[in-house]
Amino acid sequence: MRPNCDSSRGEFVKSRLTILLIAVAWLGCATAPAHAADAAPERRYLRIEGADGVPLNVLEIGDPAKPTVVLVHGIGQSHASFDAQFSDAVLTGALHVIAYDLRGHGQSGKPWTRDAYVTSEKWADDLARVIEYVHKEKVVVLGWSYGSLVVSDYLRKYGTRQLAAIALAGAYGGLTPPPPPPKEPPSPNFAADMKRMLEEQQSGDPAVRAAAIHRGVLRLTGKPMPGEWVAKSDVMGMLTATEARRYMFDRSLDNRDLVAKINVPLLVFIGGKDGSTPEAQGRELVAQVAGARASFYTDSGHSPFAEEPLRFNAELAQFVRSVTTPK
């Protein structure tokens, strides 16, 4: 007897939509960790016009008079990836924290042309507009995953004139050679599954798309995360424009020529279980930049700021203070 595929797919869609709705409600409540919930500052949302008039959704939290850090998220996610930072009253009490949704992501505008995603200057200009909003001489920028490439885009066009320091997590911003092939090549089945997952994340079928995005979300960390974190990340994935996923890697990602131009402090967060940030390459990058250092998170994967937030937040706050305190 032929299985009822339509019925099974319908049940899957309903289950995923239920999870997504729960996550949306959770996002609206902005639930904070117990250690920080009572005193977390108010979250202020605004819209900033990015390159080509693309509206950017921006979150601002903390006292603008404090040192500023701008957080730049990765592909398929949003500013909400950094909720463990926004919810930390110690971090947001010490710093002025800014984060925004990349073009094509979250609540920012979603251009549909290839040019909107493959042009380095557009990514640079978006970040520049956010930095300009702060009206400060110097800020610290932290790029996570694809966000590290956006930081490199900014460096290429604007240099370090308005940067007090740079932090990277989950990727090296194209500042290192591509990771070497693993000693044991992945099985053909693994490679085929990855290719299929990326293709299905662009599917017009909501059930197929949701399932593929969920598989991708599970790869963001080196350990299981709470269900609400996974559900929230699924929501962010579903909000990502198909065109963004299709075109964002369809450009040069080699930024090794910029290493010599980094003349500000650099901090590189490295997850021990993150295959995209080999430790040896991280050490090589740090060795090439005067005063740079690396921080290793042995038990974390691609998202140490979410997997070990207390330690990460303490290190980030100390780093920002160290580069912004007058000597």
C-alpha atoms as a PDB file:
ATOM      1  CA  MET A   1       0.000   0.000   0.000  1.00  0.00           C
ATOM      2  CA  ARG A   2       1.412   3.404  -0.981  1.00  0.00           C
ATOM      3  CA  PRO A   3       2.151   5.639   2.041  1.00  0.00           C
ATOM      4  CA  ASN A   4       0.236   8.892   2.303  1.00  0.00           C
ATOM      5  CA  CYS A   5       3.150  11.259   1.642  1.00  0.00           C
ATOM      6  CA  ASP A   6       0.941  14.339   1.576  1.00  0.00           C
ATOM      7  CA  SER A   7      -0.423  13.508   5.015  1.00  0.00           C
ATOM      8  CA  SER A   8       3.078  12.911   6.449  1.00  0.00           C
ATOM      9  CA  ARG A   9       4.351  16.129   4.952  1.00  0.00           C
ATOM     10  CA  GLY A  10       1.375  18.002   6.333  1.00  0.00           C
ATOM     11  CA  GLU A  11       2.023  16.692   9.820  1.00  0.00           C
ATOM     12  CA  PHE A  12       5.671  17.715   9.539  1.00  0.00           C
ATOM     13  CA  VAL A  13       4.731  21.215   8.417  1.00  0.00           C
ATOM     14  CA  LYS A  14       2.297  21.584  11.300  1.00  0.00           C
ATOM     15  CA  SER A  15       4.887  20.400  13.818  1.00  0.00           C
ATOM     16  CA  ARG A  16       7.553  22.749  12.474  1.00  0.00           C
ATOM     17  CA  LEU A  17       5.133  25.694  12.345  1.00  0.00           C
ATOM     18  CA  THR A  18       4.136  25.030  15.940  1.00  0.00           C
ATOM     19  CA  ILE A  19       7.790  25.159  16.961  1.00  0.00           C
ATOM     20  CA  LEU A  20       8.312  28.317  14.924  1.00  0.00           C
ATOM     21  CA  LEU A  21       5.318  30.038  16.521  1.00  0.00           C
ATOM     22  CA  ILE A  22       6.599  29.124  19.967  1.00  0.00           C
ATOM     23  CA  ALA A  23       9.983  30.565  19.037  1.00  0.00           C
ATOM     24  CA  VAL A  24       8.415  33.781  17.756  1.00  0.00           C
ATOM     25  CA  ALA A  25       6.562  34.158  21.051  1.00  0.00           C
ATOM     26  CA  TRP A  26       9.800  33.482  22.877  1.00  0.00           C
ATOM     27  CA  LEU A  27      11.564  36.142  20.812  1.00  0.00           C
ATOM     28  CA  GLY A  28       8.836  38.632  21.622  1.00  0.00           C
ATOM     29  CA  CYS A  29       9.228  38.019  25.309  1.00  0.00           C
ATOM     30  CA  ALA A  30      13.036  38.274  24.993  1.00  0.00           C
ATOM     31  CA  THR A  31      13.542  35.746  27.763  1.00  0.00           C
ATOM     32  CA  ALA A  32      16.872  36.364  29.509  1.00  0.00           C
ATOM     33  CA  PRO A  33      19.109  33.981  31.439  1.00  0.00           C
ATOM     34  CA  ALA A  34      18.361  33.868  35.154  1.00  0.00           C
ATOM     35  CA  HIS A  35      21.675  35.514  36.052  1.00  0.00           C
ATOM     36  CA  ALA A  36      20.884  38.600  33.983  1.00  0.00           C
ATOM     37  CA  ALA A  37      17.148  38.960  33.496  1.00  0.00           C
ATOM     38  CA  ASP A  38      16.276  41.407  36.283  1.00  0.00           C
ATOM     39  CA  ALA A  39      18.644  44.199  35.319  1.00  0.00           C
ATOM     40  CA  ALA A  40      19.003  43.806  31.526  1.00  0.00           C
ATOM     41  CA  PRO A  41      18.704  47.241  29.850  1.00  0.00           C
ATOM     42  CA  GLU A  42      15.899  48.076  27.456  1.00  0.00           C
ATOM     43  CA  ARG A  43      16.242  46.898  23.851  1.00  0.00           C
ATOM     44  CA  ARG A  44      15.796  49.701  21.319  1.00  0.00           C
ATOM     45  CA  TYR A  45      15.024  48.867  17.695  1.00  0.00           C
ATOM     46  CA  LEU A  46      15.461  51.208  14.764  1.00  0.00           C
ATOM     47  CA  ARG A  47      15.782  51.200  10.978  1.00  0.00           C
ATOM     48  CA  ILE A  48      18.879  52.432   9.171  1.00  0.00           C
ATOM     49  CA  GLU A  49      19.199  52.851   5.422  1.00  0.00           C
ATOM     50  CA  GLY A  50      21.945  50.618   4.067  1.00  0.00           C
ATOM     51  CA  ALA A  51      23.569  50.488   0.639  1.00  0.00           C
ATOM     52  CA  ASP A  52      21.164  51.024  -2.276  1.00  0.00           C
ATOM     53  CA  GLY A  53      18.480  52.053   0.216  1.00  0.00           C
ATOM     54  CA  VAL A  54      18.109  48.570   1.725  1.00  0.00           C
ATOM     55  CA  PRO A  55      16.532  49.024   5.193  1.00  0.00           C
ATOM     56  CA  LEU A  56      18.550  47.467   8.003  1.00  0.00           C
ATOM     57  CA  ASN A  57      16.954  46.297  11.235  1.00  0.00           C
ATOM     58  CA  VAL A  58      19.184  47.438  14.111  1.00  0.00           C
ATOM     59  CA  LEU A  59      19.130  46.637  17.822  1.00  0.00           C
ATOM     60  CA  GLU A  60      20.746  48.991  20.313  1.00  0.00           C
ATOM     61  CA  ILE A  61      21.140  48.166  23.993  1.00  0.00           C
ATOM     62  CA  GLY A  62      23.071  49.817  26.800  1.00  0.00           C
ATOM     63  CA  ASP A  63      24.387  53.327  27.469  1.00  0.00           C
ATOM     64  CA  PRO A  64      25.659  55.067  24.289  1.00  0.00           C
ATOM     65  CA  ALA A  65      28.284  56.784  26.446  1.00  0.00           C
ATOM     66  CA  LYS A  66      29.923  53.409  27.138  1.00  0.00           C
ATOM     67  CA  PRO A  67      32.397  51.716  24.729  1.00  0.00           C
ATOM     68  CA  THR A  68      30.568  50.381  21.670  1.00  0.00           C
ATOM     69  CA  VAL A  69      30.740  46.898  20.169  1.00  0.00           C
ATOM     70  CA  VAL A  70      28.957  46.085  16.896  1.00  0.00           C
ATOM     71  CA  LEU A  71      27.963  42.417  16.457  1.00  0.00           C
ATOM     72  CA  VAL A  72      27.678  41.009  12.918  1.00  0.00           C
ATOM     73  CA  HIS A  73      25.903  37.652  12.520  1.00  0.00           C
ATOM     74  CA  GLY A  74      26.307  34.833   9.996  1.00  0.00           C
ATOM     75  CA  ILE A  75      24.383  33.506   7.012  1.00  0.00           C
ATOM     76  CA  GLY A  76      20.892  32.215   7.662  1.00  0.00           C
ATOM     77  CA  GLN A  77      20.586  33.840  11.085  1.00  0.00           C
ATOM     78  CA  SER A  78      20.022  37.357  12.494  1.00  0.00           C
ATOM     79  CA  HIS A  79      20.913  39.741  15.300  1.00  0.00           C
ATOM     80  CA  ALA A  80      18.947  37.392  17.587  1.00  0.00           C
ATOM     81  CA  SER A  81      21.863  34.950  17.406  1.00  0.00           C
ATOM     82  CA  PHE A  82      23.483  37.150  20.053  1.00  0.00           C
ATOM     83  CA  ASP A  83      20.627  37.006  22.547  1.00  0.00           C
ATOM     84  CA  ALA A  84      22.938  35.598  25.226  1.00  0.00           C
ATOM     85  CA  GLN A  85      24.936  38.815  24.921  1.00  0.00           C
ATOM     86  CA  PHE A  86      21.918  41.154  24.932  1.00  0.00           C
ATOM     87  CA  SER A  87      20.510  39.403  27.995  1.00  0.00           C
ATOM     88  CA  ASP A  88      23.676  39.653  30.068  1.00  0.00           C
ATOM     89  CA  ALA A  89      23.195  42.614  32.378  1.00  0.00           C
ATOM     90  CA  VAL A  90      26.898  42.712  33.232  1.00  0.00           C
ATOM     91  CA  LEU A  91      27.944  42.920  29.579  1.00  0.00           C
ATOM     92  CA  THR A  92      25.263  45.414  28.541  1.00  0.00           C
ATOM     93  CA  GLY A  93      25.875  47.430  31.689  1.00  0.00           C
ATOM     94  CA  ALA A  94      29.533  47.804  30.771  1.00  0.00           C
ATOM     95  CA  LEU A  95      29.141  48.260  27.007  1.00  0.00           C
ATOM     96  CA  HIS A  96      26.974  49.898  24.384  1.00  0.00           C
ATOM     97  CA  VAL A  97      25.937  46.939  22.204  1.00  0.00           C
ATOM     98  CA  ILE A  98      24.755  47.248  18.603  1.00  0.00           C
ATOM     99  CA  ALA A  99      23.664  44.430  16.296  1.00  0.00           C
ATOM    100  CA  TYR A 100      21.836  44.392  12.985  1.00  0.00           C
ATOM    101  CA  ASP A 101      20.266  41.979  10.528  1.00  0.00           C
ATOM    102  CA  LEU A 102      22.329  41.547   7.384  1.00  0.00           C
ATOM    103  CA  ARG A 103      20.637  42.391   4.096  1.00  0.00           C
ATOM    104  CA  GLY A 104      18.427  39.474   3.103  1.00  0.00           C
ATOM    105  CA  HIS A 105      18.104  38.340   6.714  1.00  0.00           C
ATOM    106  CA  GLY A 106      15.781  38.756   9.683  1.00  0.00           C
ATOM    107  CA  GLN A 107      13.769  41.968   9.550  1.00  0.00           C
ATOM    108  CA  SER A 108      16.115  43.779   7.165  1.00  0.00           C
ATOM    109  CA  GLY A 109      15.262  44.390   3.511  1.00  0.00           C
ATOM    110  CA  LYS A 110      15.567  41.480   1.093  1.00  0.00           C
ATOM    111  CA  PRO A 111      16.896  42.482  -2.325  1.00  0.00           C
ATOM    112  CA  TRP A 112      16.364  39.891  -5.040  1.00  0.00           C
ATOM    113  CA  THR A 113      19.219  40.677  -7.430  1.00  0.00           C
ATOM    114  CA  ARG A 114      22.538  38.844  -7.545  1.00  0.00           C
ATOM    115  CA  ASP A 115      24.437  42.137  -7.468  1.00  0.00           C
ATOM    116  CA  ALA A 116      22.983  42.942  -4.040  1.00  0.00           C
ATOM    117  CA  TYR A 117      24.818  39.982  -2.507  1.00  0.00           C
ATOM    118  CA  VAL A 118      28.011  39.494  -4.517  1.00  0.00           C
ATOM    119  CA  THR A 119      29.346  43.046  -4.306  1.00  0.00           C
ATOM    120  CA  SER A 120      31.826  43.526  -1.454  1.00  0.00           C
ATOM    121  CA  GLU A 121      31.204  47.263  -1.272  1.00  0.00           C
ATOM    122  CA  LYS A 122      27.524  46.797  -0.449  1.00  0.00           C
ATOM    123  CA  TRP A 123      28.317  44.656   2.597  1.00  0.00           C
ATOM    124  CA  ALA A 124      30.961  47.196   3.614  1.00  0.00           C
ATOM    125  CA  ASP A 125      28.578  50.120   3.181  1.00  0.00           C
ATOM    126  CA  ASP A 126      25.865  48.436   5.261  1.00  0.00           C
ATOM    127  CA  LEU A 127      28.257  48.021   8.183  1.00  0.00           C
ATOM    128  CA  ALA A 128      29.588  51.538   7.666  1.00  0.00           C
ATOM    129  CA  ARG A 129      26.060  52.988   7.926  1.00  0.00           C
ATOM    130  CA  VAL A 130      25.559  51.173  11.239  1.00  0.00           C
ATOM    131  CA  ILE A 131      28.891  52.442  12.559  1.00  0.00           C
ATOM    132  CA  GLU A 132      28.048  55.971  11.400  1.00  0.00           C
ATOM    133  CA  TYR A 133      24.829  55.834  13.420  1.00  0.00           C
ATOM    134  CA  VAL A 134      26.851  55.367  16.615  1.00  0.00           C
ATOM    135  CA  HIS A 135      28.556  58.775  16.126  1.00  0.00           C
ATOM    136  CA  LYS A 136      31.743  57.643  17.820  1.00  0.00           C
ATOM    137  CA  GLU A 137      35.348  58.001  16.812  1.00  0.00           C
ATOM    138  CA  LYS A 138      36.098  54.317  17.433  1.00  0.00           C
ATOM    139  CA  VAL A 139      34.079  51.101  17.842  1.00  0.00           C
ATOM    140  CA  VAL A 140      34.893  47.410  18.204  1.00  0.00           C
ATOM    141  CA  VAL A 141      33.390  45.060  15.610  1.00  0.00           C
ATOM    142  CA  LEU A 142      32.815  41.346  16.118  1.00  0.00           C
ATOM    143  CA  GLY A 143      32.066  39.192  13.076  1.00  0.00           C
ATOM    144  CA  TRP A 144      30.669  35.695  13.461  1.00  0.00           C
ATOM    145  CA  SER A 145      30.858  33.194  10.591  1.00  0.00           C
ATOM    146  CA  TYR A 146      29.816  35.048   7.402  1.00  0.00           C
ATOM    147  CA  GLY A 147      29.856  38.182   9.516  1.00  0.00           C
ATOM    148  CA  SER A 148      33.645  37.875   9.617  1.00  0.00           C
ATOM    149  CA  LEU A 149      33.627  38.268   5.812  1.00  0.00           C
ATOM    150  CA  VAL A 150      31.508  41.406   6.184  1.00  0.00           C
ATOM    151  CA  VAL A 151      34.121  42.779   8.576  1.00  0.00           C
ATOM    152  CA  SER A 152      36.766  42.072   5.915  1.00  0.00           C
ATOM    153  CA  ASP A 153      34.588  43.819   3.317  1.00  0.00           C
ATOM    154  CA  TYR A 154      34.543  46.848   5.599  1.00  0.00           C
ATOM    155  CA  LEU A 155      38.313  46.702   6.085  1.00  0.00           C
ATOM    156  CA  ARG A 156      38.862  46.574   2.343  1.00  0.00           C
ATOM    157  CA  LYS A 157      36.861  49.737   1.681  1.00  0.00           C
ATOM    158  CA  TYR A 158      37.187  51.775   4.869  1.00  0.00           C
ATOM    159  CA  GLY A 159      40.292  50.506   6.642  1.00  0.00           C
ATOM    160  CA  THR A 160      40.592  50.740  10.435  1.00  0.00           C
ATOM    161  CA  ARG A 161      40.112  54.495  10.899  1.00  0.00           C
ATOM    162  CA  GLN A 162      36.908  54.021  12.930  1.00  0.00           C
ATOM    163  CA  LEU A 163      37.833  50.697  14.507  1.00  0.00           C
ATOM    164  CA  ALA A 164      39.276  50.353  17.987  1.00  0.00           C
ATOM    165  CA  ALA A 165      39.639  46.592  17.527  1.00  0.00           C
ATOM    166  CA  ILE A 166      38.342  43.525  15.673  1.00  0.00           C
ATOM    167  CA  ALA A 167      37.049  40.213  17.024  1.00  0.00           C
ATOM    168  CA  LEU A 168      36.244  37.129  14.943  1.00  0.00           C
ATOM    169  CA  ALA A 169      34.316  33.958  15.801  1.00  0.00           C
ATOM    170  CA  GLY A 170      33.305  30.939  13.737  1.00  0.00           C
ATOM    171  CA  ALA A 171      35.434  31.960  10.732  1.00  0.00           C
ATOM    172  CA  TYR A 172      38.556  33.901   9.860  1.00  0.00           C
ATOM    173  CA  GLY A 173      37.054  36.384   7.416  1.00  0.00           C
ATOM    174  CA  GLY A 174      38.920  34.986   4.426  1.00  0.00           C
ATOM    175  CA  LEU A 175      42.160  36.182   6.047  1.00  0.00           C
ATOM    176  CA  THR A 176      43.611  32.660   5.973  1.00  0.00           C
ATOM    177  CA  PRO A 177      43.936  30.071   3.200  1.00  0.00           C
ATOM    178  CA  PRO A 178      40.986  27.690   2.785  1.00  0.00           C
ATOM    179  CA  PRO A 179      41.022  24.961   5.464  1.00  0.00           C
ATOM    180  CA  PRO A 180      43.145  21.976   4.432  1.00  0.00           C
ATOM    181  CA  PRO A 181      41.272  18.789   3.522  1.00  0.00           C
ATOM    182  CA  PRO A 182      40.662  16.493   6.502  1.00  0.00           C
ATOM    183  CA  LYS A 183      43.009  13.557   7.005  1.00  0.00           C
ATOM    184  CA  GLU A 184      40.049  11.286   6.450  1.00  0.00           C
ATOM    185  CA  PRO A 185      37.942  12.624   3.568  1.00  0.00           C
ATOM    186  CA  PRO A 186      34.185  12.734   4.263  1.00  0.00           C
ATOM    187  CA  SER A 187      32.169   9.901   2.837  1.00  0.00           C
ATOM    188  CA  PRO A 188      30.360  10.459  -0.455  1.00  0.00           C
ATOM    189  CA  ASN A 189      27.104  10.223   1.485  1.00  0.00           C
ATOM    190  CA  PHE A 190      28.151  13.105   3.781  1.00  0.00           C
ATOM    191  CA  ALA A 191      29.138  15.317   0.855  1.00  0.00           C
ATOM    192  CA  ALA A 192      25.892  14.509  -0.965  1.00  0.00           C
ATOM    193  CA  ASP A 193      23.861  15.245   2.171  1.00  0.00           C
ATOM    194  CA  MET A 194      25.538  18.636   2.611  1.00  0.00           C
ATOM    195  CA  LYS A 195      24.885  19.551  -1.029  1.00  0.00           C
ATOM    196  CA  ARG A 196      21.258  18.451  -0.741  1.00  0.00           C
ATOM    197  CA  MET A 197      20.793  20.376   2.516  1.00  0.00           C
ATOM    198  CA  LEU A 198      22.053  23.620   0.968  1.00  0.00           C
ATOM    199  CA  GLU A 199      19.825  23.139  -2.073  1.00  0.00           C
ATOM    200  CA  GLU A 200      16.772  22.313   0.012  1.00  0.00           C
ATOM    201  CA  GLN A 201      17.287  25.404   2.184  1.00  0.00           C
ATOM    202  CA  GLN A 202      16.290  27.331  -0.956  1.00  0.00           C
ATOM    203  CA  SER A 203      13.226  25.207  -1.672  1.00  0.00           C
ATOM    204  CA  GLY A 204       9.835  26.788  -2.269  1.00  0.00           C
ATOM    205  CA  ASP A 205       8.251  23.879  -0.388  1.00  0.00           C
ATOM    206  CA  PRO A 206       7.980  25.053   3.243  1.00  0.00           C
ATOM    207  CA  ALA A 207       8.279  21.522   4.620  1.00  0.00           C
ATOM    208  CA  VAL A 208      11.446  20.770   2.664  1.00  0.00           C
ATOM    209  CA  ARG A 209      12.909  24.175   3.462  1.00  0.00           C
ATOM    210  CA  ALA A 210      12.132  23.937   7.197  1.00  0.00           C
ATOM    211  CA  ALA A 211      13.657  20.466   7.490  1.00  0.00           C
ATOM    212  CA  ALA A 212      16.849  21.514   5.703  1.00  0.00           C
ATOM    213  CA  ILE A 213      17.205  24.682   7.765  1.00  0.00           C
ATOM    214  CA  HIS A 214      16.734  22.672  10.943  1.00  0.00           C
ATOM    215  CA  ARG A 215      19.529  20.300   9.885  1.00  0.00           C
ATOM    216  CA  GLY A 216      21.764  23.295   9.309  1.00  0.00           C
ATOM    217  CA  VAL A 217      20.928  24.807  12.690  1.00  0.00           C
ATOM    218  CA  LEU A 218      22.005  21.596  14.423  1.00  0.00           C
ATOM    219  CA  ARG A 219      25.439  22.067  12.860  1.00  0.00           C
ATOM    220  CA  LEU A 220      25.919  25.520  14.411  1.00  0.00           C
ATOM    221  CA  THR A 221      27.114  24.150  17.739  1.00  0.00           C
ATOM    222  CA  GLY A 222      29.360  21.401  19.018  1.00  0.00           C
ATOM    223  CA  LYS A 223      26.861  20.231  21.607  1.00  0.00           C
ATOM    224  CA  PRO A 224      23.070  19.978  21.906  1.00  0.00           C
ATOM    225  CA  MET A 225      21.379  23.293  22.629  1.00  0.00           C
ATOM    226  CA  PRO A 226      18.094  24.001  24.456  1.00  0.00           C
ATOM    227  CA  GLY A 227      14.974  23.512  22.366  1.00  0.00           C
ATOM    228  CA  GLU A 228      14.023  27.191  22.491  1.00  0.00           C
ATOM    229  CA  TRP A 229      17.452  28.168  21.119  1.00  0.00           C
ATOM    230  CA  VAL A 230      17.084  25.701  18.252  1.00  0.00           C
ATOM    231  CA  ALA A 231      13.528  26.862  17.531  1.00  0.00           C
ATOM    232  CA  LYS A 232      14.600  30.509  17.493  1.00  0.00           C
ATOM    233  CA  SER A 233      17.431  29.691  15.099  1.00  0.00           C
ATOM    234  CA  ASP A 234      14.985  27.819  12.864  1.00  0.00           C
ATOM    235  CA  VAL A 235      12.812  30.948  12.711  1.00  0.00           C
ATOM    236  CA  MET A 236      15.788  33.072  11.678  1.00  0.00           C
ATOM    237  CA  GLY A 237      16.630  30.545   8.992  1.00  0.00           C
ATOM    238  CA  MET A 238      13.124  30.654   7.572  1.00  0.00           C
ATOM    239  CA  LEU A 239      13.289  34.467   7.407  1.00  0.00           C
ATOM    240  CA  THR A 240      16.422  34.391   5.253  1.00  0.00           C
ATOM    241  CA  ALA A 241      15.827  35.294   1.606  1.00  0.00           C
ATOM    242  CA  THR A 242      16.363  32.560  -0.958  1.00  0.00           C
ATOM    243  CA  GLU A 243      18.400  35.002  -3.040  1.00  0.00           C
ATOM    244  CA  ALA A 244      20.724  35.640  -0.098  1.00  0.00           C
ATOM    245  CA  ARG A 245      21.421  31.929   0.303  1.00  0.00           C
ATOM    246  CA  ARG A 246      21.872  31.527  -3.449  1.00  0.00           C
ATOM    247  CA  TYR A 247      24.331  34.369  -4.049  1.00  0.00           C
ATOM    248  CA  MET A 248      26.228  35.210  -0.840  1.00  0.00           C
ATOM    249  CA  PHE A 249      29.070  32.784  -1.574  1.00  0.00           C
ATOM    250  CA  ASP A 250      29.095  33.525  -5.283  1.00  0.00           C
ATOM    251  CA  ARG A 251      31.988  35.971  -4.904  1.00  0.00           C
ATOM    252  CA  SER A 252      35.637  36.077  -3.929  1.00  0.00           C
ATOM    253  CA  LEU A 253      36.164  35.209  -0.273  1.00  0.00           C
ATOM    254  CA  ASP A 254      39.945  35.534  -0.335  1.00  0.00           C
ATOM    255  CA  ASN A 255      40.987  38.450   1.878  1.00  0.00           C
ATOM    256  CA  ARG A 256      44.531  37.389   2.711  1.00  0.00           C
ATOM    257  CA  ASP A 257      45.873  40.614   1.239  1.00  0.00           C
ATOM    258  CA  LEU A 258      44.189  42.519   4.089  1.00  0.00           C
ATOM    259  CA  VAL A 259      46.141  40.887   6.920  1.00  0.00           C
ATOM    260  CA  ALA A 260      49.029  43.330   6.604  1.00  0.00           C
ATOM    261  CA  LYS A 261      46.568  46.235   6.872  1.00  0.00           C
ATOM    262  CA  ILE A 262      45.196  45.203  10.276  1.00  0.00           C
ATOM    263  CA  ASN A 263      46.795  47.691  12.646  1.00  0.00           C
ATOM    264  CA  VAL A 264      44.339  47.408  15.533  1.00  0.00           C
ATOM    265  CA  PRO A 265      44.031  44.739  18.253  1.00  0.00           C
ATOM    266  CA  LEU A 266      42.585  41.439  17.025  1.00  0.00           C
ATOM    267  CA  LEU A 267      40.918  38.742  19.141  1.00  0.00           C
ATOM    268  CA  VAL A 268      40.021  35.415  17.528  1.00  0.00           C
ATOM    269  CA  PHE A 269      37.571  33.082  19.285  1.00  0.00           C
ATOM    270  CA  ILE A 270      38.153  29.470  18.201  1.00  0.00           C
ATOM    271  CA  GLY A 271      35.775  26.582  18.881  1.00  0.00           C
ATOM    272  CA  GLY A 272      37.582  23.299  19.360  1.00  0.00           C
ATOM    273  CA  LYS A 273      34.776  21.410  17.604  1.00  0.00           C
ATOM    274  CA  ASP A 274      34.373  23.854  14.722  1.00  0.00           C
ATOM    275  CA  GLY A 275      35.678  22.387  11.470  1.00  0.00           C
ATOM    276  CA  SER A 276      35.580  25.801   9.769  1.00  0.00           C
ATOM    277  CA  THR A 277      38.193  27.296  12.117  1.00  0.00           C
ATOM    278  CA  PRO A 278      41.190  24.946  12.279  1.00  0.00           C
ATOM    279  CA  GLU A 279      43.306  25.819  15.291  1.00  0.00           C
ATOM    280  CA  ALA A 280      46.553  25.855  13.296  1.00  0.00           C
ATOM    281  CA  GLN A 281      45.195  28.469  10.893  1.00  0.00           C
ATOM    282  CA  GLY A 282      43.936  30.571  13.761  1.00  0.00           C
ATOM    283  CA  ARG A 283      47.357  30.529  15.369  1.00  0.00           C
ATOM    284  CA  GLU A 284      48.983  31.477  12.039  1.00  0.00           C
ATOM    285  CA  LEU A 285      46.617  34.424  11.621  1.00  0.00           C
ATOM    286  CA  VAL A 286      47.256  35.674  15.140  1.00  0.00           C
ATOM    287  CA  ALA A 287      51.015  35.388  14.602  1.00  0.00           C
ATOM    288  CA  GLN A 288      50.795  37.696  11.578  1.00  0.00           C
ATOM    289  CA  VAL A 289      49.027  40.561  13.382  1.00  0.00           C
ATOM    290  CA  ALA A 290      50.937  42.509  16.007  1.00  0.00           C
ATOM    291  CA  GLY A 291      49.337  42.182  19.431  1.00  0.00           C
ATOM    292  CA  ALA A 292      46.670  39.722  18.259  1.00  0.00           C
ATOM    293  CA  ARG A 293      45.611  36.809  20.405  1.00  0.00           C
ATOM    294  CA  ALA A 294      43.354  33.782  20.253  1.00  0.00           C
ATOM    295  CA  SER A 295      40.923  32.385  22.802  1.00  0.00           C
ATOM    296  CA  PHE A 296      40.199  28.659  22.579  1.00  0.00           C
ATOM    297  CA  TYR A 297      36.874  27.083  23.493  1.00  0.00           C
ATOM    298  CA  THR A 298      37.672  23.392  23.514  1.00  0.00           C
ATOM    299  CA  ASP A 299      34.113  22.179  24.059  1.00  0.00           C
ATOM    300  CA  SER A 300      32.386  24.590  21.678  1.00  0.00           C
ATOM    301  CA  GLY A 301      31.650  24.392  17.984  1.00  0.00           C
ATOM    302  CA  HIS A 302      30.795  27.165  15.526  1.00  0.00           C
ATOM    303  CA  SER A 303      29.046  29.414  18.080  1.00  0.00           C
ATOM    304  CA  PRO A 304      31.096  29.792  21.286  1.00  0.00           C
ATOM    305  CA  PHE A 305      29.171  32.983  22.203  1.00  0.00           C
ATOM    306  CA  ALA A 306      26.001  30.862  22.487  1.00  0.00           C
ATOM    307  CA  GLU A 307      27.568  27.652  23.797  1.00  0.00           C
ATOM    308  CA  GLU A 308      29.672  29.222  26.571  1.00  0.00           C
ATOM    309  CA  PRO A 309      28.135  32.688  26.960  1.00  0.00           C
ATOM    310  CA  LEU A 310      29.305  33.538  30.469  1.00  0.00           C
ATOM    311  CA  ARG A 311      32.961  33.043  29.625  1.00  0.00           C
ATOM    312  CA  PHE A 312      32.565  34.626  26.181  1.00  0.00           C
ATOM    313  CA  ASN A 313      30.815  37.710  27.531  1.00  0.00           C
ATOM    314  CA  ALA A 314      33.419  38.244  30.220  1.00  0.00           C
ATOM    315  CA  GLU A 315      36.230  37.988  27.671  1.00  0.00           C
ATOM    316  CA  LEU A 316      34.466  40.265  25.194  1.00  0.00           C
ATOM    317  CA  ALA A 317      33.790  42.933  27.817  1.00  0.00           C
ATOM    318  CA  GLN A 318      37.383  42.825  29.047  1.00  0.00           C
ATOM    319  CA  PHE A 319      38.710  43.037  25.481  1.00  0.00           C
ATOM    320  CA  VAL A 320      36.526  46.009  24.570  1.00  0.00           C
ATOM    321  CA  ARG A 321      37.455  47.863  27.756  1.00  0.00           C
ATOM    322  CA  SER A 322      41.152  47.178  27.192  1.00  0.00           C
ATOM    323  CA  VAL A 323      41.148  48.741  23.717  1.00  0.00           C
ATOM    324  CA  THR A 324      38.901  51.696  24.507  1.00  0.00           C
ATOM    325  CA  THR A 325      40.233  52.821  27.887  1.00  0.00           C
ATOM    326  CA  PRO A 326      42.564  55.816  27.479  1.00  0.00           C
ATOM    327  CA  LYS A 327      46.132  54.932  28.366  1.00  0.00           C
END
